[in-house]
Amino acid sequence: MSKAEDKKRIVSAIVAAAKLYKENLVGKTFLYVFNDRYIEVEYLSSGFRHLTGVDTDLSAKDFYKKAVSGKLWCNQIYFSALHPYRLCEKKIAHIKDIVGLATSECFMLENVTTDTKSYQFATSDLSFILCMNRRESENGISKSSKFTVESLRDEDGFDRATDSFEVTHILSKQNDMPLYTDIVWIDRNHSIDTLPACVAGMVDISDE
């Protein structure tokens, strides 16, 4: 396969993944419950570009908008020493599965350390991980109690974490709603009634 064909294939995968990312993740907050604890996670449109592993002169906002609209062109992405083709190829193999990892059975990893950065949490499906931190201002102060996804890595991540837990519940809500109203996934050994007390006041699930 030629370099031009490689780029075309990668752009096609990015466009398809961006549409799924927008339809299923952007504009929502997800509640992940594990070990009788929880974290809240947002999948921001501005974070999508970094997950692809490609280099570009486009801003994160413009990259995402062009990908979602199908107007991302091959000449708008490239590869470099910092973002090599082989690494991008590995990430692209997983990028279409981001929605699946975000909304189905997974493990929560705590205190994940890579060669370049540390993350407080990451989710893993045993083939790749999504690494998360709280958003911070320039002085290092957290802007929000919620976590955002910052990186996709082609590994299971367990040997980089200090601890791991099975996720028991995943709930979601629209960002402008006060309570979690949608059940995304629940482990077969659990139910909505086994949610820990710490999230009881955060959930409003109808009986319908």
N, C-alpha and C. Protein backbone atom coordinates (compact mmCIF):
# COMPACT_ATOMS: atom_id res chain seq x y z
N MET A 1 0.85 -1.20 0.00
CA MET A 1 0.00 0.00 0.00
C MET A 1 0.88 1.25 0.00
N SER A 2 0.58 2.23 -0.86
CA SER A 2 1.38 3.44 -0.96
C SER A 2 1.12 4.37 0.21
N LYS A 3 2.00 5.36 0.40
CA LYS A 3 1.82 6.33 1.47
C LYS A 3 0.52 7.11 1.29
N ALA A 4 0.20 7.42 0.03
CA ALA A 4 -1.05 8.15 -0.24
C ALA A 4 -2.26 7.31 0.16
N GLU A 5 -2.20 6.02 -0.14
CA GLU A 5 -3.30 5.14 0.22
C GLU A 5 -3.39 4.96 1.73
N ASP A 6 -2.21 4.91 2.39
CA ASP A 6 -2.18 4.82 3.85
C ASP A 6 -2.87 6.03 4.47
N LYS A 7 -2.56 7.21 3.98
CA LYS A 7 -3.17 8.43 4.51
C LYS A 7 -4.68 8.44 4.28
N LYS A 8 -5.07 8.02 3.09
CA LYS A 8 -6.49 8.00 2.76
C LYS A 8 -7.24 7.05 3.70
N ARG A 9 -6.65 5.91 3.99
CA ARG A 9 -7.27 4.94 4.89
C ARG A 9 -7.38 5.50 6.30
N ILE A 10 -6.33 6.17 6.75
CA ILE A 10 -6.33 6.73 8.09
C ILE A 10 -7.35 7.86 8.22
N VAL A 11 -7.42 8.73 7.23
CA VAL A 11 -8.40 9.81 7.25
C VAL A 11 -9.82 9.25 7.27
N SER A 12 -10.06 8.21 6.49
CA SER A 12 -11.38 7.58 6.46
C SER A 12 -11.75 7.03 7.83
N ALA A 13 -10.79 6.41 8.51
CA ALA A 13 -11.04 5.86 9.85
C ALA A 13 -11.30 6.98 10.86
N ILE A 14 -10.56 8.08 10.75
CA ILE A 14 -10.74 9.21 11.65
C ILE A 14 -12.13 9.82 11.48
N VAL A 15 -12.55 9.99 10.24
CA VAL A 15 -13.87 10.57 9.96
C VAL A 15 -14.97 9.69 10.53
N ALA A 16 -14.87 8.39 10.31
CA ALA A 16 -15.89 7.47 10.83
C ALA A 16 -15.93 7.50 12.35
N ALA A 17 -14.75 7.52 12.98
CA ALA A 17 -14.68 7.54 14.44
C ALA A 17 -15.22 8.85 15.01
N ALA A 18 -14.94 9.97 14.34
CA ALA A 18 -15.41 11.28 14.82
C ALA A 18 -16.93 11.33 14.84
N LYS A 19 -17.56 10.75 13.83
CA LYS A 19 -19.02 10.76 13.78
C LYS A 19 -19.60 9.93 14.92
N LEU A 20 -19.00 8.77 15.21
CA LEU A 20 -19.46 7.95 16.32
C LEU A 20 -19.23 8.66 17.66
N TYR A 21 -18.08 9.32 17.76
CA TYR A 21 -17.70 10.05 18.97
C TYR A 21 -18.73 11.14 19.25
N LYS A 22 -19.13 11.87 18.21
CA LYS A 22 -20.10 12.94 18.38
C LYS A 22 -21.48 12.37 18.74
N GLU A 23 -21.90 11.34 18.05
CA GLU A 23 -23.25 10.79 18.24
C GLU A 23 -23.44 10.15 19.61
N ASN A 24 -22.37 9.58 20.16
CA ASN A 24 -22.51 8.77 21.37
C ASN A 24 -21.88 9.34 22.64
N LEU A 25 -20.92 10.26 22.50
CA LEU A 25 -20.15 10.68 23.67
C LEU A 25 -20.18 12.18 23.94
N VAL A 26 -20.02 12.99 22.94
CA VAL A 26 -19.93 14.44 23.14
C VAL A 26 -21.27 14.99 23.62
N GLY A 27 -21.21 15.86 24.61
CA GLY A 27 -22.42 16.46 25.17
C GLY A 27 -23.00 15.67 26.33
N LYS A 28 -22.35 14.57 26.68
CA LYS A 28 -22.80 13.73 27.79
C LYS A 28 -21.72 13.62 28.86
N THR A 29 -22.17 13.32 30.07
CA THR A 29 -21.27 12.98 31.16
C THR A 29 -21.56 11.54 31.57
N PHE A 30 -20.51 10.78 31.81
CA PHE A 30 -20.65 9.38 32.16
C PHE A 30 -20.18 9.15 33.59
N LEU A 31 -20.95 8.34 34.31
CA LEU A 31 -20.64 7.98 35.69
C LEU A 31 -20.14 6.53 35.70
N TYR A 32 -18.88 6.35 36.08
CA TYR A 32 -18.29 5.01 36.17
C TYR A 32 -18.19 4.62 37.64
N VAL A 33 -18.82 3.49 37.99
CA VAL A 33 -18.82 3.03 39.38
C VAL A 33 -17.93 1.79 39.48
N PHE A 34 -17.07 1.78 40.49
CA PHE A 34 -16.14 0.67 40.69
C PHE A 34 -15.69 0.68 42.15
N ASN A 35 -15.55 -0.50 42.73
CA ASN A 35 -15.03 -0.61 44.10
C ASN A 35 -15.77 0.30 45.08
N ASP A 36 -17.10 0.44 44.89
CA ASP A 36 -17.93 1.34 45.71
C ASP A 36 -17.46 2.78 45.67
N ARG A 37 -16.86 3.16 44.55
CA ARG A 37 -16.43 4.53 44.28
C ARG A 37 -16.95 4.92 42.90
N TYR A 38 -16.68 6.15 42.51
CA TYR A 38 -17.12 6.56 41.18
C TYR A 38 -16.25 7.71 40.68
N ILE A 39 -16.24 7.88 39.37
CA ILE A 39 -15.72 9.10 38.76
C ILE A 39 -16.70 9.53 37.67
N GLU A 40 -16.71 10.82 37.38
CA GLU A 40 -17.52 11.37 36.30
C GLU A 40 -16.58 11.76 35.16
N VAL A 41 -16.97 11.40 33.94
CA VAL A 41 -16.08 11.58 32.79
C VAL A 41 -16.82 12.28 31.65
N GLU A 42 -16.15 13.27 31.06
CA GLU A 42 -16.64 13.94 29.86
C GLU A 42 -15.72 13.61 28.69
N TYR A 43 -16.30 13.37 27.53
CA TYR A 43 -15.54 13.15 26.31
C TYR A 43 -15.68 14.42 25.46
N LEU A 44 -14.68 15.27 25.53
CA LEU A 44 -14.76 16.59 24.90
C LEU A 44 -14.40 16.52 23.42
N SER A 45 -15.07 17.34 22.63
CA SER A 45 -14.73 17.41 21.21
C SER A 45 -13.29 17.87 21.02
N SER A 46 -12.82 18.73 21.92
CA SER A 46 -11.46 19.25 21.81
C SER A 46 -10.40 18.19 22.11
N GLY A 47 -10.81 17.06 22.70
CA GLY A 47 -9.85 16.02 23.01
C GLY A 47 -9.71 14.97 21.93
N PHE A 48 -10.56 15.04 20.90
CA PHE A 48 -10.57 13.99 19.88
C PHE A 48 -9.28 13.95 19.08
N ARG A 49 -8.77 15.09 18.68
CA ARG A 49 -7.58 15.13 17.81
C ARG A 49 -6.42 14.33 18.39
N HIS A 50 -6.18 14.49 19.70
CA HIS A 50 -5.03 13.84 20.32
C HIS A 50 -5.19 12.32 20.32
N LEU A 51 -6.42 11.84 20.35
CA LEU A 51 -6.65 10.40 20.39
C LEU A 51 -6.24 9.71 19.09
N THR A 52 -6.18 10.47 17.98
CA THR A 52 -5.90 9.86 16.68
C THR A 52 -4.41 9.58 16.48
N GLY A 53 -3.55 10.33 17.17
CA GLY A 53 -2.11 10.11 17.02
C GLY A 53 -1.48 10.80 15.83
N VAL A 54 -2.26 11.53 15.01
CA VAL A 54 -1.68 12.18 13.84
C VAL A 54 -1.18 13.58 14.21
N ASP A 55 -0.34 14.13 13.36
CA ASP A 55 0.10 15.51 13.50
C ASP A 55 -0.68 16.35 12.49
N THR A 56 -0.95 17.59 12.85
CA THR A 56 -1.72 18.48 11.97
C THR A 56 -1.49 19.91 12.40
N ASP A 57 -1.67 20.82 11.46
CA ASP A 57 -1.60 22.25 11.78
C ASP A 57 -2.97 22.80 12.16
N LEU A 58 -4.00 21.97 12.08
CA LEU A 58 -5.34 22.40 12.46
C LEU A 58 -5.47 22.47 13.98
N SER A 59 -6.26 23.40 14.46
CA SER A 59 -6.55 23.44 15.89
C SER A 59 -7.39 22.22 16.25
N ALA A 60 -7.44 21.90 17.54
CA ALA A 60 -8.24 20.75 17.98
C ALA A 60 -9.70 20.93 17.57
N LYS A 61 -10.20 22.16 17.68
CA LYS A 61 -11.59 22.45 17.32
C LYS A 61 -11.83 22.24 15.84
N ASP A 62 -10.96 22.79 15.00
CA ASP A 62 -11.14 22.67 13.55
C ASP A 62 -10.95 21.24 13.07
N PHE A 63 -10.00 20.54 13.67
CA PHE A 63 -9.75 19.14 13.30
C PHE A 63 -11.02 18.31 13.52
N TYR A 64 -11.61 18.48 14.68
CA TYR A 64 -12.82 17.73 15.02
C TYR A 64 -13.97 18.10 14.09
N LYS A 65 -14.18 19.39 13.83
CA LYS A 65 -15.27 19.84 12.98
C LYS A 65 -15.12 19.29 11.56
N LYS A 66 -13.91 19.30 11.04
CA LYS A 66 -13.68 18.79 9.69
C LYS A 66 -13.88 17.28 9.64
N ALA A 67 -13.42 16.59 10.69
CA ALA A 67 -13.58 15.13 10.72
C ALA A 67 -15.06 14.75 10.78
N VAL A 68 -15.82 15.42 11.65
CA VAL A 68 -17.25 15.11 11.81
C VAL A 68 -18.02 15.39 10.52
N SER A 69 -17.65 16.44 9.81
CA SER A 69 -18.36 16.82 8.59
C SER A 69 -17.84 16.08 7.36
N GLY A 70 -16.81 15.24 7.54
CA GLY A 70 -16.25 14.50 6.42
C GLY A 70 -15.39 15.36 5.52
N LYS A 71 -14.90 16.49 6.03
CA LYS A 71 -14.10 17.41 5.23
C LYS A 71 -12.64 17.48 5.67
N LEU A 72 -12.19 16.42 6.35
CA LEU A 72 -10.77 16.30 6.69
C LEU A 72 -10.06 15.69 5.50
N TRP A 73 -9.02 16.38 5.00
CA TRP A 73 -8.32 15.91 3.81
C TRP A 73 -6.95 15.34 4.16
N CYS A 74 -6.45 14.51 3.26
CA CYS A 74 -5.16 13.85 3.49
C CYS A 74 -4.02 14.84 3.68
N ASN A 75 -4.07 15.98 2.97
CA ASN A 75 -2.99 16.95 3.09
C ASN A 75 -3.06 17.76 4.39
N GLN A 76 -4.07 17.48 5.23
CA GLN A 76 -4.19 18.19 6.50
C GLN A 76 -3.63 17.38 7.68
N ILE A 77 -3.17 16.17 7.40
CA ILE A 77 -2.51 15.38 8.45
C ILE A 77 -1.13 14.97 7.98
N TYR A 78 -0.24 14.74 8.93
CA TYR A 78 1.09 14.25 8.59
C TYR A 78 1.66 13.53 9.80
N PHE A 79 2.85 13.02 9.63
CA PHE A 79 3.50 12.25 10.69
C PHE A 79 4.86 12.86 10.98
N SER A 80 5.35 12.64 12.18
CA SER A 80 6.60 13.26 12.61
C SER A 80 7.28 12.35 13.62
N ALA A 81 8.43 12.79 14.11
CA ALA A 81 9.14 12.01 15.13
C ALA A 81 8.29 11.88 16.39
N LEU A 82 7.53 12.93 16.68
CA LEU A 82 6.67 12.93 17.85
C LEU A 82 5.40 12.12 17.61
N HIS A 83 4.92 12.13 16.37
CA HIS A 83 3.71 11.40 15.99
C HIS A 83 4.02 10.51 14.78
N PRO A 84 4.75 9.41 14.97
CA PRO A 84 5.15 8.56 13.85
C PRO A 84 3.98 7.77 13.26
N TYR A 85 4.15 7.39 12.01
CA TYR A 85 3.08 6.68 11.31
C TYR A 85 2.69 5.38 12.02
N ARG A 86 3.68 4.60 12.45
CA ARG A 86 3.38 3.30 13.06
C ARG A 86 2.56 3.45 14.34
N LEU A 87 2.85 4.49 15.12
CA LEU A 87 2.07 4.73 16.34
C LEU A 87 0.65 5.12 15.97
N CYS A 88 0.51 5.97 14.98
CA CYS A 88 -0.82 6.38 14.54
C CYS A 88 -1.60 5.17 14.03
N GLU A 89 -0.93 4.30 13.29
CA GLU A 89 -1.59 3.12 12.75
C GLU A 89 -2.16 2.26 13.87
N LYS A 90 -1.41 2.13 14.96
CA LYS A 90 -1.88 1.35 16.11
C LYS A 90 -3.10 2.01 16.76
N LYS A 91 -3.05 3.33 16.90
CA LYS A 91 -4.17 4.04 17.52
C LYS A 91 -5.42 3.98 16.64
N ILE A 92 -5.22 4.10 15.33
CA ILE A 92 -6.35 4.07 14.42
C ILE A 92 -7.04 2.71 14.46
N ALA A 93 -6.28 1.66 14.74
CA ALA A 93 -6.87 0.32 14.83
C ALA A 93 -7.89 0.26 15.96
N HIS A 94 -7.75 1.14 16.95
CA HIS A 94 -8.65 1.13 18.11
C HIS A 94 -9.67 2.26 18.10
N ILE A 95 -9.43 3.29 17.31
CA ILE A 95 -10.21 4.52 17.48
C ILE A 95 -11.71 4.31 17.24
N LYS A 96 -12.05 3.40 16.34
CA LYS A 96 -13.47 3.13 16.10
C LYS A 96 -14.12 2.45 17.29
N ASP A 97 -13.29 1.90 18.20
CA ASP A 97 -13.81 1.18 19.36
C ASP A 97 -13.89 2.04 20.61
N ILE A 98 -13.61 3.34 20.50
CA ILE A 98 -13.66 4.23 21.66
C ILE A 98 -15.04 4.22 22.30
N VAL A 99 -16.07 4.28 21.48
CA VAL A 99 -17.43 4.31 22.01
C VAL A 99 -17.72 3.01 22.77
N GLY A 100 -17.28 1.89 22.22
CA GLY A 100 -17.50 0.62 22.89
C GLY A 100 -16.83 0.55 24.24
N LEU A 101 -15.59 1.03 24.33
CA LEU A 101 -14.88 1.02 25.60
C LEU A 101 -15.52 1.98 26.59
N ALA A 102 -16.04 3.08 26.09
CA ALA A 102 -16.65 4.08 26.98
C ALA A 102 -17.99 3.63 27.53
N THR A 103 -18.64 2.67 26.86
CA THR A 103 -20.03 2.38 27.20
C THR A 103 -20.32 0.89 27.44
N SER A 104 -19.28 0.10 27.72
CA SER A 104 -19.52 -1.33 27.94
C SER A 104 -18.54 -1.88 28.97
N GLU A 105 -18.54 -3.19 29.14
CA GLU A 105 -17.71 -3.83 30.15
C GLU A 105 -16.25 -3.40 30.04
N CYS A 106 -15.66 -2.99 31.15
CA CYS A 106 -14.28 -2.53 31.13
C CYS A 106 -13.69 -2.56 32.53
N PHE A 107 -12.41 -2.30 32.61
CA PHE A 107 -11.71 -2.19 33.88
C PHE A 107 -11.33 -0.73 34.10
N MET A 108 -11.30 -0.33 35.37
CA MET A 108 -10.81 1.00 35.73
C MET A 108 -9.43 0.84 36.34
N LEU A 109 -8.45 1.49 35.75
CA LEU A 109 -7.08 1.48 36.24
C LEU A 109 -6.81 2.77 36.99
N GLU A 110 -6.07 2.69 38.08
CA GLU A 110 -5.79 3.87 38.89
C GLU A 110 -4.30 4.17 38.90
N ASN A 111 -3.97 5.46 38.83
CA ASN A 111 -2.58 5.94 38.87
C ASN A 111 -1.74 5.27 37.79
N VAL A 112 -2.05 5.62 36.54
CA VAL A 112 -1.34 5.07 35.38
C VAL A 112 -0.19 5.99 35.01
N THR A 113 1.01 5.44 34.92
CA THR A 113 2.20 6.22 34.60
C THR A 113 2.81 5.74 33.29
N THR A 114 2.95 6.64 32.32
CA THR A 114 3.59 6.32 31.05
C THR A 114 4.99 6.93 31.04
N ASP A 115 5.67 6.83 29.91
CA ASP A 115 7.02 7.39 29.82
C ASP A 115 7.02 8.91 29.86
N THR A 116 5.89 9.52 29.54
CA THR A 116 5.85 10.98 29.44
C THR A 116 4.88 11.66 30.38
N LYS A 117 3.91 10.91 30.93
CA LYS A 117 2.88 11.57 31.73
C LYS A 117 2.21 10.59 32.68
N SER A 118 1.60 11.13 33.73
CA SER A 118 0.84 10.32 34.67
C SER A 118 -0.64 10.68 34.57
N TYR A 119 -1.49 9.67 34.74
CA TYR A 119 -2.93 9.85 34.67
C TYR A 119 -3.55 9.24 35.91
N GLN A 120 -4.55 9.92 36.46
CA GLN A 120 -5.16 9.41 37.68
C GLN A 120 -5.98 8.16 37.42
N PHE A 121 -6.64 8.10 36.25
CA PHE A 121 -7.44 6.92 35.91
C PHE A 121 -7.32 6.60 34.43
N ALA A 122 -7.66 5.36 34.10
CA ALA A 122 -7.77 4.93 32.70
C ALA A 122 -8.75 3.77 32.64
N THR A 123 -9.48 3.67 31.54
CA THR A 123 -10.32 2.50 31.32
C THR A 123 -9.63 1.59 30.32
N SER A 124 -9.83 0.29 30.49
CA SER A 124 -9.17 -0.69 29.62
C SER A 124 -10.13 -1.81 29.25
N ASP A 125 -10.02 -2.27 28.00
CA ASP A 125 -10.78 -3.46 27.58
C ASP A 125 -9.82 -4.61 27.28
N LEU A 126 -8.60 -4.49 27.80
CA LEU A 126 -7.51 -5.46 27.65
C LEU A 126 -6.75 -5.33 26.33
N SER A 127 -7.20 -4.47 25.42
CA SER A 127 -6.46 -4.28 24.18
C SER A 127 -5.94 -2.84 24.02
N PHE A 128 -6.66 -1.86 24.60
CA PHE A 128 -6.17 -0.49 24.61
C PHE A 128 -6.76 0.24 25.80
N ILE A 129 -6.21 1.42 26.10
CA ILE A 129 -6.69 2.17 27.26
C ILE A 129 -6.97 3.62 26.87
N LEU A 130 -7.92 4.21 27.59
CA LEU A 130 -8.21 5.64 27.50
C LEU A 130 -7.81 6.27 28.82
N CYS A 131 -6.84 7.18 28.76
CA CYS A 131 -6.27 7.77 29.97
C CYS A 131 -6.95 9.09 30.30
N MET A 132 -7.18 9.33 31.60
CA MET A 132 -7.99 10.47 32.03
C MET A 132 -7.32 11.25 33.16
N ASN A 133 -7.50 12.54 33.12
CA ASN A 133 -7.14 13.44 34.22
C ASN A 133 -8.22 14.50 34.35
N ARG A 134 -8.18 15.22 35.45
CA ARG A 134 -9.05 16.40 35.58
C ARG A 134 -8.45 17.54 34.76
N ARG A 135 -9.33 18.35 34.19
CA ARG A 135 -8.85 19.54 33.48
C ARG A 135 -8.25 20.52 34.47
N GLU A 136 -7.14 21.10 34.09
CA GLU A 136 -6.46 22.04 34.98
C GLU A 136 -6.23 23.37 34.29
N SER A 137 -6.21 24.43 35.09
CA SER A 137 -5.87 25.75 34.58
C SER A 137 -4.35 25.83 34.46
N GLU A 138 -3.84 26.95 33.95
CA GLU A 138 -2.41 27.10 33.74
C GLU A 138 -1.60 27.01 35.02
N ASN A 139 -2.22 27.34 36.16
CA ASN A 139 -1.50 27.27 37.44
C ASN A 139 -1.66 25.91 38.11
N GLY A 140 -2.24 24.94 37.37
CA GLY A 140 -2.32 23.58 37.89
C GLY A 140 -3.51 23.30 38.78
N ILE A 141 -4.43 24.25 38.91
CA ILE A 141 -5.62 24.06 39.74
C ILE A 141 -6.72 23.40 38.90
N SER A 142 -7.38 22.39 39.45
CA SER A 142 -8.43 21.68 38.73
C SER A 142 -9.59 22.62 38.40
N LYS A 143 -10.03 22.60 37.15
CA LYS A 143 -11.17 23.40 36.72
C LYS A 143 -12.49 22.73 37.05
N SER A 144 -12.47 21.43 37.21
CA SER A 144 -13.70 20.68 37.38
C SER A 144 -13.42 19.40 38.16
N SER A 145 -14.45 18.89 38.81
CA SER A 145 -14.32 17.61 39.48
C SER A 145 -14.41 16.46 38.49
N LYS A 146 -14.86 16.75 37.27
CA LYS A 146 -14.99 15.72 36.24
C LYS A 146 -13.66 15.45 35.55
N PHE A 147 -13.54 14.24 35.02
CA PHE A 147 -12.35 13.85 34.30
C PHE A 147 -12.61 13.94 32.80
N THR A 148 -11.54 14.16 32.04
CA THR A 148 -11.63 14.17 30.59
C THR A 148 -10.60 13.20 30.03
N VAL A 149 -10.92 12.61 28.89
CA VAL A 149 -10.02 11.65 28.25
C VAL A 149 -8.93 12.42 27.50
N GLU A 150 -7.68 12.08 27.79
CA GLU A 150 -6.56 12.81 27.21
C GLU A 150 -5.70 11.99 26.25
N SER A 151 -5.77 10.66 26.35
CA SER A 151 -4.85 9.86 25.55
C SER A 151 -5.41 8.48 25.29
N LEU A 152 -5.11 7.94 24.11
CA LEU A 152 -5.40 6.56 23.76
C LEU A 152 -4.07 5.84 23.60
N ARG A 153 -3.94 4.69 24.25
CA ARG A 153 -2.68 3.94 24.19
C ARG A 153 -2.95 2.50 23.77
N ASP A 154 -2.07 2.00 22.92
CA ASP A 154 -2.19 0.65 22.38
C ASP A 154 -1.56 -0.37 23.33
N GLU A 155 -2.25 -0.64 24.43
CA GLU A 155 -1.78 -1.60 25.44
C GLU A 155 -2.92 -1.82 26.43
N ASP A 156 -2.78 -2.86 27.29
CA ASP A 156 -3.84 -3.07 28.27
C ASP A 156 -3.68 -2.18 29.49
N GLY A 157 -2.46 -1.68 29.75
CA GLY A 157 -2.23 -0.68 30.78
C GLY A 157 -2.08 -1.21 32.20
N PHE A 158 -2.32 -2.48 32.42
CA PHE A 158 -2.33 -2.99 33.80
C PHE A 158 -0.98 -2.87 34.48
N ASP A 159 0.10 -3.09 33.75
CA ASP A 159 1.42 -3.03 34.38
C ASP A 159 1.88 -1.59 34.61
N ARG A 160 1.12 -0.62 34.13
CA ARG A 160 1.45 0.79 34.35
C ARG A 160 0.62 1.40 35.48
N ALA A 161 -0.31 0.62 36.04
CA ALA A 161 -1.24 1.13 37.06
C ALA A 161 -0.89 0.59 38.43
N THR A 162 -1.23 1.37 39.46
CA THR A 162 -1.00 0.89 40.83
C THR A 162 -2.14 -0.01 41.29
N ASP A 163 -3.31 0.10 40.64
CA ASP A 163 -4.43 -0.73 41.04
C ASP A 163 -5.42 -0.83 39.88
N SER A 164 -6.28 -1.86 39.92
CA SER A 164 -7.29 -2.04 38.87
C SER A 164 -8.57 -2.58 39.50
N PHE A 165 -9.69 -2.23 38.91
CA PHE A 165 -11.00 -2.62 39.43
C PHE A 165 -11.94 -2.92 38.27
N GLU A 166 -12.88 -3.82 38.49
CA GLU A 166 -13.93 -4.06 37.51
C GLU A 166 -14.98 -2.96 37.65
N VAL A 167 -15.37 -2.37 36.54
CA VAL A 167 -16.45 -1.38 36.56
C VAL A 167 -17.77 -2.14 36.70
N THR A 168 -18.62 -1.71 37.63
CA THR A 168 -19.88 -2.40 37.88
C THR A 168 -21.08 -1.71 37.25
N HIS A 169 -21.02 -0.39 37.12
CA HIS A 169 -22.13 0.37 36.53
C HIS A 169 -21.57 1.50 35.67
N ILE A 170 -22.24 1.78 34.56
CA ILE A 170 -21.97 2.99 33.79
C ILE A 170 -23.32 3.65 33.53
N LEU A 171 -23.46 4.89 33.98
CA LEU A 171 -24.67 5.68 33.75
C LEU A 171 -24.29 6.93 32.97
N SER A 172 -25.28 7.57 32.36
CA SER A 172 -24.98 8.80 31.62
C SER A 172 -26.09 9.82 31.78
N LYS A 173 -25.76 11.05 31.45
CA LYS A 173 -26.74 12.14 31.43
C LYS A 173 -26.27 13.18 30.45
N GLN A 174 -27.18 13.99 29.97
CA GLN A 174 -26.80 15.14 29.16
C GLN A 174 -26.07 16.14 30.06
N ASN A 175 -25.12 16.86 29.52
CA ASN A 175 -24.30 17.76 30.34
C ASN A 175 -25.11 18.81 31.09
N ASP A 176 -26.25 19.20 30.53
CA ASP A 176 -27.03 20.25 31.19
C ASP A 176 -28.06 19.70 32.18
N MET A 177 -28.05 18.41 32.41
CA MET A 177 -29.00 17.80 33.35
C MET A 177 -28.33 17.57 34.70
N PRO A 178 -29.06 17.73 35.81
CA PRO A 178 -28.46 17.60 37.14
C PRO A 178 -28.23 16.16 37.58
N LEU A 179 -29.08 15.21 37.08
CA LEU A 179 -29.01 13.83 37.56
C LEU A 179 -28.79 12.86 36.41
N TYR A 180 -28.22 11.71 36.76
CA TYR A 180 -27.99 10.66 35.77
C TYR A 180 -29.30 9.92 35.53
N THR A 181 -29.74 9.86 34.28
CA THR A 181 -31.05 9.31 33.95
C THR A 181 -30.98 8.07 33.06
N ASP A 182 -29.83 7.75 32.52
CA ASP A 182 -29.73 6.65 31.56
C ASP A 182 -28.76 5.57 32.04
N ILE A 183 -29.22 4.34 31.98
CA ILE A 183 -28.35 3.20 32.27
C ILE A 183 -27.63 2.82 30.98
N VAL A 184 -26.32 2.90 31.00
CA VAL A 184 -25.52 2.56 29.82
C VAL A 184 -25.11 1.09 29.87
N TRP A 185 -24.65 0.65 31.02
CA TRP A 185 -24.21 -0.73 31.17
C TRP A 185 -24.16 -1.08 32.65
N ILE A 186 -24.58 -2.30 33.00
CA ILE A 186 -24.48 -2.80 34.37
C ILE A 186 -23.95 -4.22 34.33
N ASP A 187 -22.99 -4.53 35.17
CA ASP A 187 -22.45 -5.87 35.27
C ASP A 187 -23.56 -6.87 35.61
N ARG A 188 -23.47 -8.07 35.08
CA ARG A 188 -24.54 -9.05 35.25
C ARG A 188 -24.74 -9.47 36.71
N ASN A 189 -23.74 -9.24 37.55
CA ASN A 189 -23.87 -9.57 38.98
C ASN A 189 -24.38 -8.40 39.80
N HIS A 190 -24.76 -7.33 39.12
CA HIS A 190 -25.24 -6.13 39.81
C HIS A 190 -26.56 -5.67 39.22
N SER A 191 -27.15 -4.68 39.84
CA SER A 191 -28.37 -4.05 39.34
C SER A 191 -28.34 -2.59 39.75
N ILE A 192 -29.35 -1.84 39.36
CA ILE A 192 -29.41 -0.44 39.77
C ILE A 192 -29.51 -0.33 41.28
N ASP A 193 -30.03 -1.37 41.92
CA ASP A 193 -30.18 -1.37 43.38
C ASP A 193 -28.87 -1.57 44.11
N THR A 194 -27.83 -2.00 43.41
CA THR A 194 -26.53 -2.21 44.07
C THR A 194 -25.59 -1.02 43.90
N LEU A 195 -26.11 0.08 43.39
CA LEU A 195 -25.30 1.30 43.34
C LEU A 195 -24.88 1.68 44.75
N PRO A 196 -23.65 2.11 44.96
CA PRO A 196 -23.23 2.50 46.30
C PRO A 196 -23.93 3.75 46.80
N ALA A 197 -23.98 3.90 48.10
CA ALA A 197 -24.69 5.03 48.71
C ALA A 197 -24.13 6.37 48.25
N CYS A 198 -22.84 6.40 47.90
CA CYS A 198 -22.21 7.67 47.53
C CYS A 198 -22.77 8.28 46.25
N VAL A 199 -23.50 7.49 45.43
CA VAL A 199 -24.07 8.04 44.20
C VAL A 199 -25.60 8.09 44.23
N ALA A 200 -26.20 7.69 45.34
CA ALA A 200 -27.67 7.61 45.42
C ALA A 200 -28.35 8.93 45.05
N GLY A 201 -27.79 10.03 45.50
CA GLY A 201 -28.40 11.33 45.23
C GLY A 201 -28.10 11.90 43.87
N MET A 202 -27.33 11.15 43.05
CA MET A 202 -26.93 11.62 41.73
C MET A 202 -27.72 10.97 40.61
N VAL A 203 -28.63 10.06 40.97
CA VAL A 203 -29.29 9.22 39.97
C VAL A 203 -30.81 9.37 40.03
N ASP A 204 -31.42 9.40 38.86
CA ASP A 204 -32.89 9.43 38.77
C ASP A 204 -33.28 8.53 37.61
N ILE A 205 -33.38 7.23 37.90
CA ILE A 205 -33.72 6.25 36.88
C ILE A 205 -35.19 5.90 37.00
N SER A 206 -35.95 6.08 35.92
CA SER A 206 -37.38 5.79 35.96
C SER A 206 -37.60 4.28 35.97
N ASP A 207 -38.78 3.86 36.36
CA ASP A 207 -39.12 2.44 36.40
C ASP A 207 -39.66 1.92 35.09
N GLU A 208 -39.73 2.80 34.11
CA GLU A 208 -40.32 2.40 32.82
C GLU A 208 -39.41 1.40 32.10
